[in-house]
């Protein structure tokens, strides 16, 4: 039975990445690391960074 693009643990998505960014990803991935793993790690880091910036900007003076 085929599964859809979304299940209990994850969601599949398709994105276009510029060639130069993809080349950088490929050159910086650790041995054995998948592109998906690299992108998930990068996205989690960016989410945390933005959350910190948002909470910093919402602090009262």
Protein backbone atom coordinates (compact mmCIF):
# COMPACT_ATOMS: atom_id res chain seq x y z
CA UNK A 1 0.00 0.00 0.00
CA UNK A 2 1.44 3.37 -1.03
CA UNK A 3 1.69 6.11 1.54
CA UNK A 4 0.92 9.77 0.96
CA UNK A 5 3.22 12.72 1.37
CA UNK A 6 2.38 13.02 5.08
CA UNK A 7 2.49 10.48 7.89
CA UNK A 8 2.60 10.55 11.70
CA UNK A 9 6.30 11.51 11.85
CA UNK A 10 7.07 13.61 8.81
CA UNK A 11 5.88 15.36 5.69
CA UNK A 12 7.44 15.10 2.25
CA UNK A 13 7.97 18.30 0.30
CA UNK A 14 9.64 19.27 -2.94
CA UNK A 15 11.81 22.37 -3.11
CA UNK A 16 14.00 24.02 -5.73
CA UNK A 17 17.48 24.90 -4.51
CA UNK A 18 19.84 27.08 -6.55
CA UNK A 19 22.77 25.16 -8.05
CA UNK A 20 25.39 27.10 -6.10
CA UNK A 21 23.65 26.37 -2.78
CA UNK A 22 23.32 22.68 -3.68
CA UNK A 23 27.03 22.53 -4.53
CA UNK A 24 27.86 24.04 -1.13
CA UNK A 25 25.58 21.53 0.61
CA UNK A 26 27.21 18.62 -1.20
CA UNK A 27 30.71 19.87 -0.36
CA UNK A 28 29.89 20.43 3.34
CA UNK A 29 27.84 17.33 4.16
CA UNK A 30 29.54 14.98 6.57
CA UNK A 31 30.40 11.49 5.39
CA UNK A 32 27.28 9.34 5.39
CA UNK A 33 24.98 12.34 5.93
CA UNK A 34 22.01 12.56 3.60
CA UNK A 35 20.95 15.76 1.91
CA UNK A 36 17.63 15.51 3.77
CA UNK A 37 19.49 15.18 7.08
CA UNK A 38 21.61 18.22 6.27
CA UNK A 39 18.55 20.29 5.35
CA UNK A 40 16.61 19.24 8.47
CA UNK A 41 19.56 20.16 10.69
CA UNK A 42 19.93 23.51 8.91
CA UNK A 43 16.20 24.23 9.19
CA UNK A 44 16.16 23.41 12.91
CA UNK A 45 19.11 25.75 13.48
CA UNK A 46 17.40 28.55 11.56
CA UNK A 47 14.15 28.03 13.50
CA UNK A 48 16.00 28.32 16.82
CA UNK A 49 17.87 31.43 15.62
CA UNK A 50 14.66 33.16 14.58
CA UNK A 51 12.89 32.19 17.80
CA UNK A 52 15.75 33.72 19.83
CA UNK A 53 15.65 36.89 17.73
CA UNK A 54 11.88 37.13 18.06
CA UNK A 55 11.94 36.75 21.84
CA UNK A 56 14.84 39.22 22.09
CA UNK A 57 12.86 41.79 20.08
CA UNK A 58 9.76 41.27 22.25
CA UNK A 59 11.53 41.99 25.55
CA UNK A 60 10.35 45.15 27.32
CA UNK A 61 12.91 47.97 27.60
